[in-house]
Amino acid sequence: MREERRLRTFENWMLRRIFGPKRDEVTGEWKKLHNEELNDLYCSPSIVRVIKSRRMRWTGHVDRMRDRSGVYNVLVGKSERKRPFGRPRLRWKYNIKMDLQNPGWEHGLVLCGPG
């Protein structure tokens, strides 16, 4: 999705700002860190995985509430308002379905590489 790509781009940009450039051992020149090098240095789940994990956890809590609260209506997308013009906005339940169908979703866990 477009939002996921934008989040990953922002995360890598912030990590490059934090870790700064790296000096090449052979040539001695300064260079920007590649994405794989950033992942090796910053051994933590990506922002996209964290968001999906927290979204799933929140969905579990809200699902157990059922009709007792207005939050459940946000999850299922029931609104008493008139729908605005244009394309309908994505509902939470559609995001949850996409998260569950994505085979790359790993409960927010990432194994660290060497280093």
PDB file of N, CA and C in Angstrom:
ATOM      1  N   MET A   1       0.829  -1.185   0.000  1.00  0.00           N
ATOM      2  CA  MET A   1       0.000   0.000   0.000  1.00  0.00           C
ATOM      3  C   MET A   1       0.872   1.246   0.000  1.00  0.00           C
ATOM      4  N   ARG A   2       0.290   2.308  -0.434  1.00  0.00           N
ATOM      5  CA  ARG A   2       1.008   3.564  -0.541  1.00  0.00           C
ATOM      6  C   ARG A   2       1.439   4.086   0.837  1.00  0.00           C
ATOM      7  N   GLU A   3       0.542   3.943   1.818  1.00  0.00           N
ATOM      8  CA  GLU A   3       0.852   4.445   3.155  1.00  0.00           C
ATOM      9  C   GLU A   3       2.008   3.666   3.779  1.00  0.00           C
ATOM     10  N   GLU A   4       2.048   2.350   3.544  1.00  0.00           N
ATOM     11  CA  GLU A   4       3.126   1.539   4.098  1.00  0.00           C
ATOM     12  C   GLU A   4       4.465   1.946   3.503  1.00  0.00           C
ATOM     13  N   ARG A   5       4.497   2.190   2.204  1.00  0.00           N
ATOM     14  CA  ARG A   5       5.736   2.619   1.559  1.00  0.00           C
ATOM     15  C   ARG A   5       6.205   3.966   2.107  1.00  0.00           C
ATOM     16  N   ARG A   6       5.255   4.862   2.321  1.00  0.00           N
ATOM     17  CA  ARG A   6       5.605   6.176   2.859  1.00  0.00           C
ATOM     18  C   ARG A   6       6.126   6.066   4.291  1.00  0.00           C
ATOM     19  N   LEU A   7       5.518   5.177   5.088  1.00  0.00           N
ATOM     20  CA  LEU A   7       6.002   4.977   6.459  1.00  0.00           C
ATOM     21  C   LEU A   7       7.404   4.393   6.478  1.00  0.00           C
ATOM     22  N   ARG A   8       7.659   3.389   5.604  1.00  0.00           N
ATOM     23  CA  ARG A   8       9.004   2.799   5.541  1.00  0.00           C
ATOM     24  C   ARG A   8      10.036   3.824   5.087  1.00  0.00           C
ATOM     25  N   THR A   9       9.653   4.655   4.130  1.00  0.00           N
ATOM     26  CA  THR A   9      10.565   5.696   3.654  1.00  0.00           C
ATOM     27  C   THR A   9      10.899   6.675   4.768  1.00  0.00           C
ATOM     28  N   PHE A  10       9.883   7.100   5.502  1.00  0.00           N
ATOM     29  CA  PHE A  10      10.109   8.017   6.617  1.00  0.00           C
ATOM     30  C   PHE A  10      10.979   7.382   7.688  1.00  0.00           C
ATOM     31  N   GLU A  11      10.718   6.110   8.008  1.00  0.00           N
ATOM     32  CA  GLU A  11      11.508   5.423   9.024  1.00  0.00           C
ATOM     33  C   GLU A  11      12.975   5.337   8.609  1.00  0.00           C
ATOM     34  N   ASN A  12      13.229   4.959   7.354  1.00  0.00           N
ATOM     35  CA  ASN A  12      14.622   4.886   6.883  1.00  0.00           C
ATOM     36  C   ASN A  12      15.288   6.256   6.875  1.00  0.00           C
ATOM     37  N   TRP A  13      14.530   7.293   6.550  1.00  0.00           N
ATOM     38  CA  TRP A  13      15.082   8.644   6.548  1.00  0.00           C
ATOM     39  C   TRP A  13      15.500   9.042   7.967  1.00  0.00           C
ATOM     40  N   MET A  14      14.633   8.729   8.937  1.00  0.00           N
ATOM     41  CA  MET A  14      14.960   9.058  10.330  1.00  0.00           C
ATOM     42  C   MET A  14      16.171   8.259  10.816  1.00  0.00           C
ATOM     43  N   LEU A  15      16.241   6.985  10.458  1.00  0.00           N
ATOM     44  CA  LEU A  15      17.385   6.163  10.875  1.00  0.00           C
ATOM     45  C   LEU A  15      18.684   6.671  10.252  1.00  0.00           C
ATOM     46  N   ARG A  16      18.624   7.127   9.011  1.00  0.00           N
ATOM     47  CA  ARG A  16      19.832   7.702   8.389  1.00  0.00           C
ATOM     48  C   ARG A  16      20.266   8.973   9.102  1.00  0.00           C
ATOM     49  N   ARG A  17      19.295   9.749   9.565  1.00  0.00           N
ATOM     50  CA  ARG A  17      19.628  10.957  10.325  1.00  0.00           C
ATOM     51  C   ARG A  17      20.247  10.601  11.669  1.00  0.00           C
ATOM     52  N   ILE A  18      19.746   9.543  12.306  1.00  0.00           N
ATOM     53  CA  ILE A  18      20.253   9.144  13.620  1.00  0.00           C
ATOM     54  C   ILE A  18      21.648   8.548  13.512  1.00  0.00           C
ATOM     55  N   PHE A  19      21.819   7.589  12.604  1.00  0.00           N
ATOM     56  CA  PHE A  19      23.099   6.882  12.514  1.00  0.00           C
ATOM     57  C   PHE A  19      24.141   7.640  11.700  1.00  0.00           C
ATOM     58  N   GLY A  20      23.724   8.540  10.832  1.00  0.00           N
ATOM     59  CA  GLY A  20      24.657   9.339  10.051  1.00  0.00           C
ATOM     60  C   GLY A  20      25.349   8.530   8.971  1.00  0.00           C
ATOM     61  N   PRO A  21      26.258   9.166   8.244  1.00  0.00           N
ATOM     62  CA  PRO A  21      26.977   8.449   7.187  1.00  0.00           C
ATOM     63  C   PRO A  21      28.004   7.481   7.776  1.00  0.00           C
ATOM     64  N   LYS A  22      28.488   6.590   6.921  1.00  0.00           N
ATOM     65  CA  LYS A  22      29.444   5.579   7.344  1.00  0.00           C
ATOM     66  C   LYS A  22      30.680   5.687   6.463  1.00  0.00           C
ATOM     67  N   ARG A  23      31.853   5.533   7.071  1.00  0.00           N
ATOM     68  CA  ARG A  23      33.096   5.605   6.303  1.00  0.00           C
ATOM     69  C   ARG A  23      33.393   4.227   5.723  1.00  0.00           C
ATOM     70  N   ASP A  24      33.649   4.198   4.409  1.00  0.00           N
ATOM     71  CA  ASP A  24      33.979   2.946   3.741  1.00  0.00           C
ATOM     72  C   ASP A  24      35.378   2.513   4.173  1.00  0.00           C
ATOM     73  N   GLU A  25      35.522   1.247   4.573  1.00  0.00           N
ATOM     74  CA  GLU A  25      36.803   0.758   5.093  1.00  0.00           C
ATOM     75  C   GLU A  25      37.881   0.702   4.025  1.00  0.00           C
ATOM     76  N   VAL A  26      37.514   0.450   2.780  1.00  0.00           N
ATOM     77  CA  VAL A  26      38.488   0.296   1.702  1.00  0.00           C
ATOM     78  C   VAL A  26      38.934   1.648   1.156  1.00  0.00           C
ATOM     79  N   THR A  27      37.980   2.477   0.735  1.00  0.00           N
ATOM     80  CA  THR A  27      38.325   3.743   0.096  1.00  0.00           C
ATOM     81  C   THR A  27      38.450   4.896   1.077  1.00  0.00           C
ATOM     82  N   GLY A  28      37.856   4.775   2.246  1.00  0.00           N
ATOM     83  CA  GLY A  28      37.908   5.856   3.222  1.00  0.00           C
ATOM     84  C   GLY A  28      36.912   6.962   2.953  1.00  0.00           C
ATOM     85  N   GLU A  29      36.034   6.788   1.971  1.00  0.00           N
ATOM     86  CA  GLU A  29      35.038   7.804   1.639  1.00  0.00           C
ATOM     87  C   GLU A  29      33.792   7.623   2.499  1.00  0.00           C
ATOM     88  N   TRP A  30      33.093   8.728   2.711  1.00  0.00           N
ATOM     89  CA  TRP A  30      31.839   8.682   3.458  1.00  0.00           C
ATOM     90  C   TRP A  30      30.720   8.305   2.508  1.00  0.00           C
ATOM     91  N   LYS A  31      29.792   7.481   2.966  1.00  0.00           N
ATOM     92  CA  LYS A  31      28.660   7.079   2.138  1.00  0.00           C
ATOM     93  C   LYS A  31      27.411   6.951   2.999  1.00  0.00           C
ATOM     94  N   LYS A  32      26.262   7.046   2.335  1.00  0.00           N
ATOM     95  CA  LYS A  32      24.994   6.849   3.023  1.00  0.00           C
ATOM     96  C   LYS A  32      24.801   5.365   3.284  1.00  0.00           C
ATOM     97  N   LEU A  33      24.092   5.059   4.345  1.00  0.00           N
ATOM     98  CA  LEU A  33      23.798   3.672   4.677  1.00  0.00           C
ATOM     99  C   LEU A  33      22.656   3.156   3.798  1.00  0.00           C
ATOM    100  N   HIS A  34      22.792   1.943   3.299  1.00  0.00           N
ATOM    101  CA  HIS A  34      21.726   1.304   2.531  1.00  0.00           C
ATOM    102  C   HIS A  34      20.695   0.726   3.502  1.00  0.00           C
ATOM    103  N   ASN A  35      19.545   0.369   2.968  1.00  0.00           N
ATOM    104  CA  ASN A  35      18.464  -0.129   3.815  1.00  0.00           C
ATOM    105  C   ASN A  35      18.874  -1.374   4.595  1.00  0.00           C
ATOM    106  N   GLU A  36      19.605  -2.282   3.965  1.00  0.00           N
ATOM    107  CA  GLU A  36      20.038  -3.498   4.657  1.00  0.00           C
ATOM    108  C   GLU A  36      20.982  -3.156   5.809  1.00  0.00           C
ATOM    109  N   GLU A  37      21.859  -2.196   5.600  1.00  0.00           N
ATOM    110  CA  GLU A  37      22.780  -1.776   6.663  1.00  0.00           C
ATOM    111  C   GLU A  37      22.014  -1.122   7.815  1.00  0.00           C
ATOM    112  N   LEU A  38      20.991  -0.348   7.481  1.00  0.00           N
ATOM    113  CA  LEU A  38      20.163   0.257   8.529  1.00  0.00           C
ATOM    114  C   LEU A  38      19.450  -0.819   9.344  1.00  0.00           C
ATOM    115  N   ASN A  39      18.943  -1.835   8.657  1.00  0.00           N
ATOM    116  CA  ASN A  39      18.250  -2.917   9.359  1.00  0.00           C
ATOM    117  C   ASN A  39      19.200  -3.682  10.262  1.00  0.00           C
ATOM    118  N   ASP A  40      20.474  -3.839   9.849  1.00  0.00           N
ATOM    119  CA  ASP A  40      21.453  -4.514  10.697  1.00  0.00           C
ATOM    120  C   ASP A  40      21.795  -3.675  11.927  1.00  0.00           C
ATOM    121  N   LEU A  41      21.893  -2.357  11.751  1.00  0.00           N
ATOM    122  CA  LEU A  41      22.234  -1.490  12.878  1.00  0.00           C
ATOM    123  C   LEU A  41      21.066  -1.331  13.848  1.00  0.00           C
ATOM    124  N   TYR A  42      19.880  -1.157  13.305  1.00  0.00           N
ATOM    125  CA  TYR A  42      18.698  -0.913  14.126  1.00  0.00           C
ATOM    126  C   TYR A  42      17.885  -2.193  14.168  1.00  0.00           C
ATOM    127  N   CYS A  43      18.156  -3.007  15.123  1.00  0.00           N
ATOM    128  CA  CYS A  43      17.559  -4.335  15.214  1.00  0.00           C
ATOM    129  C   CYS A  43      16.227  -4.248  15.961  1.00  0.00           C
ATOM    130  N   SER A  44      15.208  -3.780  15.258  1.00  0.00           N
ATOM    131  CA  SER A  44      13.895  -3.619  15.854  1.00  0.00           C
ATOM    132  C   SER A  44      12.853  -3.782  14.758  1.00  0.00           C
ATOM    133  N   PRO A  45      11.619  -4.123  15.102  1.00  0.00           N
ATOM    134  CA  PRO A  45      10.592  -4.280  14.063  1.00  0.00           C
ATOM    135  C   PRO A  45      10.346  -2.975  13.326  1.00  0.00           C
ATOM    136  N   SER A  46       9.977  -3.092  12.058  1.00  0.00           N
ATOM    137  CA  SER A  46       9.691  -1.902  11.272  1.00  0.00           C
ATOM    138  C   SER A  46       8.410  -1.244  11.785  1.00  0.00           C
ATOM    139  N   ILE A  47       8.257   0.011  11.451  1.00  0.00           N
ATOM    140  CA  ILE A  47       7.112   0.772  11.926  1.00  0.00           C
ATOM    141  C   ILE A  47       5.808   0.192  11.392  1.00  0.00           C
ATOM    142  N   VAL A  48       5.836  -0.353  10.180  1.00  0.00           N
ATOM    143  CA  VAL A  48       4.632  -0.940   9.582  1.00  0.00           C
ATOM    144  C   VAL A  48       4.195  -2.162  10.379  1.00  0.00           C
ATOM    145  N   ARG A  49       5.136  -3.000  10.777  1.00  0.00           N
ATOM    146  CA  ARG A  49       4.797  -4.198  11.550  1.00  0.00           C
ATOM    147  C   ARG A  49       4.274  -3.838  12.934  1.00  0.00           C
ATOM    148  N   VAL A  50       4.847  -2.812  13.532  1.00  0.00           N
ATOM    149  CA  VAL A  50       4.385  -2.381  14.851  1.00  0.00           C
ATOM    150  C   VAL A  50       2.949  -1.870  14.762  1.00  0.00           C
ATOM    151  N   ILE A  51       2.656  -1.088  13.736  1.00  0.00           N
ATOM    152  CA  ILE A  51       1.305  -0.552  13.571  1.00  0.00           C
ATOM    153  C   ILE A  51       0.304  -1.674  13.346  1.00  0.00           C
ATOM    154  N   LYS A  52       0.662  -2.642  12.485  1.00  0.00           N
ATOM    155  CA  LYS A  52      -0.251  -3.758  12.231  1.00  0.00           C
ATOM    156  C   LYS A  52      -0.471  -4.582  13.495  1.00  0.00           C
ATOM    157  N   SER A  53       0.579  -4.802  14.254  1.00  0.00           N
ATOM    158  CA  SER A  53       0.455  -5.587  15.483  1.00  0.00           C
ATOM    159  C   SER A  53      -0.463  -4.888  16.484  1.00  0.00           C
ATOM    160  N   ARG A  54      -0.279  -3.597  16.655  1.00  0.00           N
ATOM    161  CA  ARG A  54      -1.108  -2.853  17.600  1.00  0.00           C
ATOM    162  C   ARG A  54      -2.552  -2.733  17.113  1.00  0.00           C
ATOM    163  N   ARG A  55      -2.724  -2.633  15.801  1.00  0.00           N
ATOM    164  CA  ARG A  55      -4.075  -2.590  15.242  1.00  0.00           C
ATOM    165  C   ARG A  55      -4.809  -3.900  15.522  1.00  0.00           C
ATOM    166  N   MET A  56      -4.102  -5.031  15.374  1.00  0.00           N
ATOM    167  CA  MET A  56      -4.716  -6.327  15.645  1.00  0.00           C
ATOM    168  C   MET A  56      -5.054  -6.475  17.128  1.00  0.00           C
ATOM    169  N   ARG A  57      -4.169  -6.013  18.005  1.00  0.00           N
ATOM    170  CA  ARG A  57      -4.422  -6.090  19.440  1.00  0.00           C
ATOM    171  C   ARG A  57      -5.644  -5.239  19.819  1.00  0.00           C
ATOM    172  N   TRP A  58      -5.714  -4.039  19.261  1.00  0.00           N
ATOM    173  CA  TRP A  58      -6.837  -3.152  19.537  1.00  0.00           C
ATOM    174  C   TRP A  58      -8.136  -3.772  19.029  1.00  0.00           C
ATOM    175  N   THR A  59      -8.087  -4.415  17.862  1.00  0.00           N
ATOM    176  CA  THR A  59      -9.267  -5.055  17.303  1.00  0.00           C
ATOM    177  C   THR A  59      -9.774  -6.156  18.218  1.00  0.00           C
ATOM    178  N   GLY A  60      -8.878  -6.914  18.817  1.00  0.00           N
ATOM    179  CA  GLY A  60      -9.279  -7.959  19.747  1.00  0.00           C
ATOM    180  C   GLY A  60     -10.002  -7.402  20.957  1.00  0.00           C
ATOM    181  N   HIS A  61      -9.499  -6.309  21.494  1.00  0.00           N
ATOM    182  CA  HIS A  61     -10.151  -5.679  22.645  1.00  0.00           C
ATOM    183  C   HIS A  61     -11.546  -5.177  22.272  1.00  0.00           C
ATOM    184  N   VAL A  62     -11.633  -4.506  21.136  1.00  0.00           N
ATOM    185  CA  VAL A  62     -12.909  -3.917  20.725  1.00  0.00           C
ATOM    186  C   VAL A  62     -13.910  -5.005  20.360  1.00  0.00           C
ATOM    187  N   ASP A  63     -13.438  -6.089  19.756  1.00  0.00           N
ATOM    188  CA  ASP A  63     -14.339  -7.172  19.375  1.00  0.00           C
ATOM    189  C   ASP A  63     -15.005  -7.790  20.602  1.00  0.00           C
ATOM    190  N   ARG A  64     -14.284  -7.854  21.702  1.00  0.00           N
ATOM    191  CA  ARG A  64     -14.869  -8.407  22.925  1.00  0.00           C
ATOM    192  C   ARG A  64     -15.892  -7.460  23.553  1.00  0.00           C
ATOM    193  N   MET A  65     -15.825  -6.173  23.216  1.00  0.00           N
ATOM    194  CA  MET A  65     -16.790  -5.207  23.759  1.00  0.00           C
ATOM    195  C   MET A  65     -18.167  -5.356  23.126  1.00  0.00           C
ATOM    196  N   ARG A  66     -18.193  -5.680  21.851  1.00  0.00           N
ATOM    197  CA  ARG A  66     -19.418  -5.766  21.055  1.00  0.00           C
ATOM    198  C   ARG A  66     -20.190  -4.455  21.116  1.00  0.00           C
ATOM    199  N   ASP A  67     -21.492  -4.526  21.235  1.00  0.00           N
ATOM    200  CA  ASP A  67     -22.325  -3.327  21.120  1.00  0.00           C
ATOM    201  C   ASP A  67     -22.371  -2.484  22.382  1.00  0.00           C
ATOM    202  N   ARG A  68     -21.573  -2.810  23.367  1.00  0.00           N
ATOM    203  CA  ARG A  68     -21.633  -2.058  24.626  1.00  0.00           C
ATOM    204  C   ARG A  68     -20.984  -0.687  24.519  1.00  0.00           C
ATOM    205  N   SER A  69     -20.231  -0.437  23.473  1.00  0.00           N
ATOM    206  CA  SER A  69     -19.573   0.862  23.397  1.00  0.00           C
ATOM    207  C   SER A  69     -19.624   1.404  21.972  1.00  0.00           C
ATOM    208  N   GLY A  70     -19.425   2.698  21.859  1.00  0.00           N
ATOM    209  CA  GLY A  70     -19.412   3.325  20.546  1.00  0.00           C
ATOM    210  C   GLY A  70     -18.165   3.000  19.745  1.00  0.00           C
ATOM    211  N   VAL A  71     -17.131   2.504  20.423  1.00  0.00           N
ATOM    212  CA  VAL A  71     -15.890   2.161  19.737  1.00  0.00           C
ATOM    213  C   VAL A  71     -16.124   1.005  18.776  1.00  0.00           C
ATOM    214  N   TYR A  72     -16.991   0.090  19.141  1.00  0.00           N
ATOM    215  CA  TYR A  72     -17.295  -1.050  18.273  1.00  0.00           C
ATOM    216  C   TYR A  72     -17.893  -0.564  16.955  1.00  0.00           C
ATOM    217  N   ASN A  73     -18.688   0.487  17.004  1.00  0.00           N
ATOM    218  CA  ASN A  73     -19.271   1.037  15.779  1.00  0.00           C
ATOM    219  C   ASN A  73     -18.199   1.612  14.869  1.00  0.00           C
ATOM    220  N   VAL A  74     -17.130   2.118  15.435  1.00  0.00           N
ATOM    221  CA  VAL A  74     -16.016   2.603  14.624  1.00  0.00           C
ATOM    222  C   VAL A  74     -15.352   1.431  13.910  1.00  0.00           C
ATOM    223  N   LEU A  75     -15.213   0.307  14.604  1.00  0.00           N
ATOM    224  CA  LEU A  75     -14.576  -0.864  14.013  1.00  0.00           C
ATOM    225  C   LEU A  75     -15.383  -1.411  12.845  1.00  0.00           C
ATOM    226  N   VAL A  76     -16.667  -1.553  13.011  1.00  0.00           N
ATOM    227  CA  VAL A  76     -17.494  -2.134  11.956  1.00  0.00           C
ATOM    228  C   VAL A  76     -17.959  -1.083  10.947  1.00  0.00           C
ATOM    229  N   GLY A  77     -17.761   0.175  11.239  1.00  0.00           N
ATOM    230  CA  GLY A  77     -18.051   1.237  10.288  1.00  0.00           C
ATOM    231  C   GLY A  77     -19.494   1.662  10.231  1.00  0.00           C
ATOM    232  N   LYS A  78     -20.256   1.449  11.284  1.00  0.00           N
ATOM    233  CA  LYS A  78     -21.651   1.873  11.298  1.00  0.00           C
ATOM    234  C   LYS A  78     -21.719   3.326  11.754  1.00  0.00           C
ATOM    235  N   SER A  79     -22.242   4.157  10.887  1.00  0.00           N
ATOM    236  CA  SER A  79     -22.349   5.569  11.199  1.00  0.00           C
ATOM    237  C   SER A  79     -23.795   6.008  11.003  1.00  0.00           C
ATOM    238  N   GLU A  80     -24.206   6.986  11.769  1.00  0.00           N
ATOM    239  CA  GLU A  80     -25.557   7.509  11.647  1.00  0.00           C
ATOM    240  C   GLU A  80     -25.578   8.752  10.763  1.00  0.00           C
ATOM    241  N   ARG A  81     -24.442   9.147  10.265  1.00  0.00           N
ATOM    242  CA  ARG A  81     -24.355  10.333   9.415  1.00  0.00           C
ATOM    243  C   ARG A  81     -24.605   9.972   7.951  1.00  0.00           C
ATOM    244  N   LYS A  82     -24.861  11.015   7.176  1.00  0.00           N
ATOM    245  CA  LYS A  82     -25.006  10.854   5.744  1.00  0.00           C
ATOM    246  C   LYS A  82     -23.605  10.738   5.129  1.00  0.00           C
ATOM    247  N   ARG A  83     -23.444   9.816   4.172  1.00  0.00           N
ATOM    248  CA  ARG A  83     -22.140   9.586   3.567  1.00  0.00           C
ATOM    249  C   ARG A  83     -21.761  10.758   2.657  1.00  0.00           C
ATOM    250  N   PRO A  84     -20.501  11.250   2.729  1.00  0.00           N
ATOM    251  CA  PRO A  84     -20.090  12.349   1.867  1.00  0.00           C
ATOM    252  C   PRO A  84     -19.885  11.873   0.420  1.00  0.00           C
ATOM    253  N   PHE A  85     -19.777  12.827  -0.491  1.00  0.00           N
ATOM    254  CA  PHE A  85     -19.541  12.511  -1.890  1.00  0.00           C
ATOM    255  C   PHE A  85     -18.151  11.923  -2.075  1.00  0.00           C
ATOM    256  N   GLY A  86     -17.982  11.205  -3.176  1.00  0.00           N
ATOM    257  CA  GLY A  86     -16.668  10.658  -3.504  1.00  0.00           C
ATOM    258  C   GLY A  86     -16.529   9.203  -3.087  1.00  0.00           C
ATOM    259  N   ARG A  87     -15.313   8.734  -3.188  1.00  0.00           N
ATOM    260  CA  ARG A  87     -15.027   7.345  -2.863  1.00  0.00           C
ATOM    261  C   ARG A  87     -15.165   7.118  -1.354  1.00  0.00           C
ATOM    262  N   PRO A  88     -15.794   6.008  -0.966  1.00  0.00           N
ATOM    263  CA  PRO A  88     -15.915   5.727   0.465  1.00  0.00           C
ATOM    264  C   PRO A  88     -14.542   5.490   1.095  1.00  0.00           C
ATOM    265  N   ARG A  89     -14.376   5.949   2.293  1.00  0.00           N
ATOM    266  CA  ARG A  89     -13.110   5.757   2.996  1.00  0.00           C
ATOM    267  C   ARG A  89     -12.982   4.311   3.440  1.00  0.00           C
ATOM    268  N   LEU A  90     -11.738   3.857   3.576  1.00  0.00           N
ATOM    269  CA  LEU A  90     -11.516   2.499   4.049  1.00  0.00           C
ATOM    270  C   LEU A  90     -11.947   2.379   5.503  1.00  0.00           C
ATOM    271  N   ARG A  91     -12.591   1.292   5.824  1.00  0.00           N
ATOM    272  CA  ARG A  91     -13.020   1.044   7.193  1.00  0.00           C
ATOM    273  C   ARG A  91     -11.954   0.234   7.904  1.00  0.00           C
ATOM    274  N   TRP A  92     -12.020   0.268   9.207  1.00  0.00           N
ATOM    275  CA  TRP A  92     -11.062  -0.492  10.009  1.00  0.00           C
ATOM    276  C   TRP A  92     -11.126  -1.969   9.682  1.00  0.00           C
ATOM    277  N   LYS A  93     -12.339  -2.488   9.485  1.00  0.00           N
ATOM    278  CA  LYS A  93     -12.452  -3.926   9.239  1.00  0.00           C
ATOM    279  C   LYS A  93     -11.795  -4.305   7.917  1.00  0.00           C
ATOM    280  N   TYR A  94     -11.781  -3.414   6.935  1.00  0.00           N
ATOM    281  CA  TYR A  94     -11.091  -3.711   5.684  1.00  0.00           C
ATOM    282  C   TYR A  94      -9.573  -3.743   5.897  1.00  0.00           C
ATOM    283  N   ASN A  95      -9.075  -2.822   6.720  1.00  0.00           N
ATOM    284  CA  ASN A  95      -7.643  -2.842   7.035  1.00  0.00           C
ATOM    285  C   ASN A  95      -7.264  -4.121   7.772  1.00  0.00           C
ATOM    286  N   ILE A  96      -8.113  -4.570   8.684  1.00  0.00           N
ATOM    287  CA  ILE A  96      -7.841  -5.800   9.427  1.00  0.00           C
ATOM    288  C   ILE A  96      -7.828  -6.996   8.483  1.00  0.00           C
ATOM    289  N   LYS A  97      -8.795  -7.053   7.561  1.00  0.00           N
ATOM    290  CA  LYS A  97      -8.822  -8.154   6.596  1.00  0.00           C
ATOM    291  C   LYS A  97      -7.565  -8.174   5.738  1.00  0.00           C
ATOM    292  N   MET A  98      -7.109  -7.008   5.304  1.00  0.00           N
ATOM    293  CA  MET A  98      -5.877  -6.950   4.505  1.00  0.00           C
ATOM    294  C   MET A  98      -4.673  -7.375   5.334  1.00  0.00           C
ATOM    295  N   ASP A  99      -4.642  -6.991   6.613  1.00  0.00           N
ATOM    296  CA  ASP A  99      -3.536  -7.403   7.480  1.00  0.00           C
ATOM    297  C   ASP A  99      -3.498  -8.914   7.651  1.00  0.00           C
ATOM    298  N   LEU A 100      -4.660  -9.537   7.792  1.00  0.00           N
ATOM    299  CA  LEU A 100      -4.715 -10.982   7.987  1.00  0.00           C
ATOM    300  C   LEU A 100      -4.402 -11.748   6.702  1.00  0.00           C
ATOM    301  N   GLN A 101      -4.749 -11.184   5.553  1.00  0.00           N
ATOM    302  CA  GLN A 101      -4.486 -11.863   4.290  1.00  0.00           C
ATOM    303  C   GLN A 101      -3.036 -11.747   3.858  1.00  0.00           C
ATOM    304  N   ASN A 102      -2.319 -10.770   4.370  1.00  0.00           N
ATOM    305  CA  ASN A 102      -0.923 -10.564   3.996  1.00  0.00           C
ATOM    306  C   ASN A 102      -0.066 -11.657   4.629  1.00  0.00           C
ATOM    307  N   PRO A 103       0.581 -12.504   3.840  1.00  0.00           N
ATOM    308  CA  PRO A 103       1.367 -13.598   4.431  1.00  0.00           C
ATOM    309  C   PRO A 103       2.633 -13.123   5.116  1.00  0.00           C
ATOM    310  N   GLY A 104       3.062 -11.898   4.898  1.00  0.00           N
ATOM    311  CA  GLY A 104       4.285 -11.397   5.503  1.00  0.00           C
ATOM    312  C   GLY A 104       4.113 -10.879   6.908  1.00  0.00           C
ATOM    313  N   TRP A 105       2.881 -10.882   7.412  1.00  0.00           N
ATOM    314  CA  TRP A 105       2.633 -10.361   8.750  1.00  0.00           C
ATOM    315  C   TRP A 105       3.115 -11.358   9.772  1.00  0.00           C
ATOM    316  N   GLU A 106       4.035 -10.939  10.649  1.00  0.00           N
ATOM    317  CA  GLU A 106       4.688 -11.860  11.572  1.00  0.00           C
ATOM    318  C   GLU A 106       4.538 -11.416  13.018  1.00  0.00           C
ATOM    319  N   HIS A 107       3.395 -10.902  13.384  1.00  0.00           N
ATOM    320  CA  HIS A 107       3.130 -10.490  14.764  1.00  0.00           C
ATOM    321  C   HIS A 107       4.132  -9.462  15.268  1.00  0.00           C
ATOM    322  N   GLY A 108       4.765  -8.714  14.374  1.00  0.00           N
ATOM    323  CA  GLY A 108       5.671  -7.654  14.782  1.00  0.00           C
ATOM    324  C   GLY A 108       7.030  -8.144  15.250  1.00  0.00           C
ATOM    325  N   LEU A 109       7.368  -9.412  15.057  1.00  0.00           N
ATOM    326  CA  LEU A 109       8.648  -9.931  15.524  1.00  0.00           C
ATOM    327  C   LEU A 109       9.660  -9.912  14.382  1.00  0.00           C
ATOM    328  N   VAL A 110      10.879  -9.528  14.708  1.00  0.00           N
ATOM    329  CA  VAL A 110      11.954  -9.511  13.735  1.00  0.00           C
ATOM    330  C   VAL A 110      13.195 -10.097  14.378  1.00  0.00           C
ATOM    331  N   LEU A 111      13.853 -10.973  13.671  1.00  0.00           N
ATOM    332  CA  LEU A 111      15.106 -11.515  14.171  1.00  0.00           C
ATOM    333  C   LEU A 111      16.250 -10.617  13.735  1.00  0.00           C
ATOM    334  N   CYS A 112      17.168 -10.386  14.619  1.00  0.00           N
ATOM    335  CA  CYS A 112      18.290  -9.499  14.332  1.00  0.00           C
ATOM    336  C   CYS A 112      19.338 -10.238  13.527  1.00  0.00           C
ATOM    337  N   GLY A 113      19.975  -9.504  12.638  1.00  0.00           N
ATOM    338  CA  GLY A 113      21.085 -10.076  11.869  1.00  0.00           C
ATOM    339  C   GLY A 113      22.376  -9.978  12.654  1.00  0.00           C
ATOM    340  N   PRO A 114      23.478 -10.382  12.053  1.00  0.00           N
ATOM    341  CA  PRO A 114      24.764 -10.300  12.762  1.00  0.00           C
ATOM    342  C   PRO A 114      25.153  -8.848  12.992  1.00  0.00           C
ATOM    343  N   GLY A 115      25.755  -8.599  14.092  1.00  0.00           N
ATOM    344  CA  GLY A 115      26.242  -7.248  14.330  1.00  0.00           C
ATOM    345  C   GLY A 115      25.803  -6.762  15.592  1.00  0.00           C
TER     346      GLY A 115
END
